Protein backbone atom coordinates (compact mmCIF):
# COMPACT_ATOMS: atom_id res chain seq x y z
CA MET A 1 -45.45 37.91 -98.18
CA LYS A 2 -49.03 39.04 -99.84
CA LEU A 3 -52.25 40.27 -97.44
CA SER A 4 -55.78 38.74 -99.10
CA PRO A 5 -58.77 40.31 -96.95
CA LEU A 6 -61.85 37.81 -95.90
CA GLY A 7 -65.23 39.32 -96.78
CA ASP A 8 -65.98 42.98 -96.81
CA LYS A 9 -62.37 44.13 -95.86
CA VAL A 10 -60.33 46.34 -97.70
CA VAL A 11 -56.52 46.50 -97.20
CA LEU A 12 -55.07 50.11 -97.57
CA LYS A 13 -51.73 51.88 -97.57
CA GLN A 14 -51.82 55.29 -96.32
CA LEU A 15 -50.69 58.01 -98.75
CA GLU A 16 -47.86 60.82 -97.49
CA ALA A 17 -48.42 63.25 -95.24
CA GLU A 18 -48.08 66.75 -96.68
CA GLU A 19 -45.06 68.38 -95.24
CA THR A 20 -46.30 72.02 -96.26
CA THR A 21 -48.92 74.18 -95.56
CA ALA A 22 -50.90 76.07 -98.35
CA SER A 23 -49.23 79.18 -97.02
CA GLY A 24 -45.65 77.63 -97.22
CA ILE A 25 -44.76 76.29 -93.64
CA VAL A 26 -42.97 73.10 -93.19
CA LEU A 27 -43.67 70.94 -90.86
CA PRO A 28 -41.51 68.79 -88.84
CA GLY A 29 -42.50 65.22 -88.59
CA ASN A 30 -44.26 64.82 -85.22
CA ALA A 31 -46.53 67.80 -86.37
CA GLN A 32 -48.05 66.30 -88.82
CA GLU A 33 -51.02 64.89 -88.75
CA LYS A 34 -51.86 61.03 -90.27
CA PRO A 35 -53.54 60.96 -93.42
CA GLN A 36 -56.77 60.21 -93.79
CA GLN A 37 -56.25 59.62 -97.79
CA ALA A 38 -55.25 55.86 -98.40
CA GLU A 39 -54.34 53.84 -101.62
CA VAL A 40 -56.64 50.47 -102.21
CA ILE A 41 -54.05 47.62 -102.16
CA ALA A 42 -56.31 44.47 -102.01
CA VAL A 43 -60.37 43.90 -102.00
CA GLY A 44 -61.77 41.26 -99.79
CA PRO A 45 -64.72 38.70 -102.01
CA GLY A 46 -67.51 40.77 -100.01
CA GLY A 47 -70.33 38.05 -99.96
CA VAL A 48 -72.89 38.00 -96.90
CA VAL A 49 -71.60 39.96 -93.52
CA ASP A 50 -74.02 40.10 -90.51
CA GLY A 51 -77.01 38.60 -92.64
CA LYS A 52 -76.85 41.48 -95.54
CA GLU A 53 -75.29 41.12 -99.31
CA VAL A 54 -72.50 43.15 -99.61
CA LYS A 55 -71.08 44.15 -102.97
CA MET A 56 -67.62 45.52 -103.24
CA GLN A 57 -67.59 49.24 -104.47
CA VAL A 58 -64.06 49.75 -104.24
CA SER A 59 -61.21 48.05 -106.40
CA VAL A 60 -57.68 47.88 -106.56
CA GLY A 61 -55.63 51.33 -107.36
CA ASP A 62 -58.63 53.59 -105.91
CA LYS A 63 -57.58 56.25 -104.12
CA VAL A 64 -60.18 56.98 -101.02
CA ILE A 65 -60.53 58.60 -97.70
CA TYR A 66 -61.53 56.07 -94.83
CA SER A 67 -62.52 57.36 -91.29
CA LYS A 68 -60.18 58.79 -88.80
CA TYR A 69 -60.21 55.77 -86.64
CA ALA A 70 -61.15 52.97 -88.33
CA GLY A 71 -59.08 49.85 -88.94
CA THR A 72 -56.35 47.62 -87.67
CA GLU A 73 -52.41 48.93 -88.36
CA VAL A 74 -50.52 45.86 -89.83
CA LYS A 75 -46.70 45.87 -90.72
CA LEU A 76 -45.19 43.44 -93.29
CA GLY A 77 -41.53 43.94 -93.54
CA ASP A 78 -40.92 47.41 -94.15
CA GLU A 79 -44.32 48.50 -95.29
CA GLU A 80 -47.20 49.08 -93.26
CA PHE A 81 -50.98 48.77 -93.99
CA ILE A 82 -54.45 49.31 -92.75
CA VAL A 83 -57.02 46.70 -92.61
CA VAL A 84 -60.59 48.43 -92.96
CA ARG A 85 -64.15 46.97 -93.48
CA GLN A 86 -65.67 48.38 -96.33
CA ASN A 87 -68.03 50.54 -94.68
CA ASP A 88 -65.23 52.62 -92.79
CA ILE A 89 -64.67 53.82 -96.60
CA VAL A 90 -66.32 57.67 -96.75
CA ALA A 91 -65.42 58.26 -100.19
CA ILE A 92 -63.19 57.44 -103.43
CA VAL A 93 -61.28 60.55 -104.76
CA GLU A 94 -61.47 61.02 -107.98
CA ASP A 95 -59.07 63.17 -109.89
């Protein structure tokens, strides 16, 4: 199955949570906070949304940071994705 977002929507796959802190403390699974960093899996076409022209600024493969409570969680098979609006993405992470 494949997700194809519409309008200004973006499909994200959450990156794995850190298992140890910077000081080396190992965190159990239930103590780990969900990461707000994800990889872009699919990007909608943009277009006119709410009467305004929307140009998509992210592309597939980008690593991004998104708003903490943004989006809709979707599970396809064994994989989990988050579908967010482009304006819920706050930054592109560059190496």
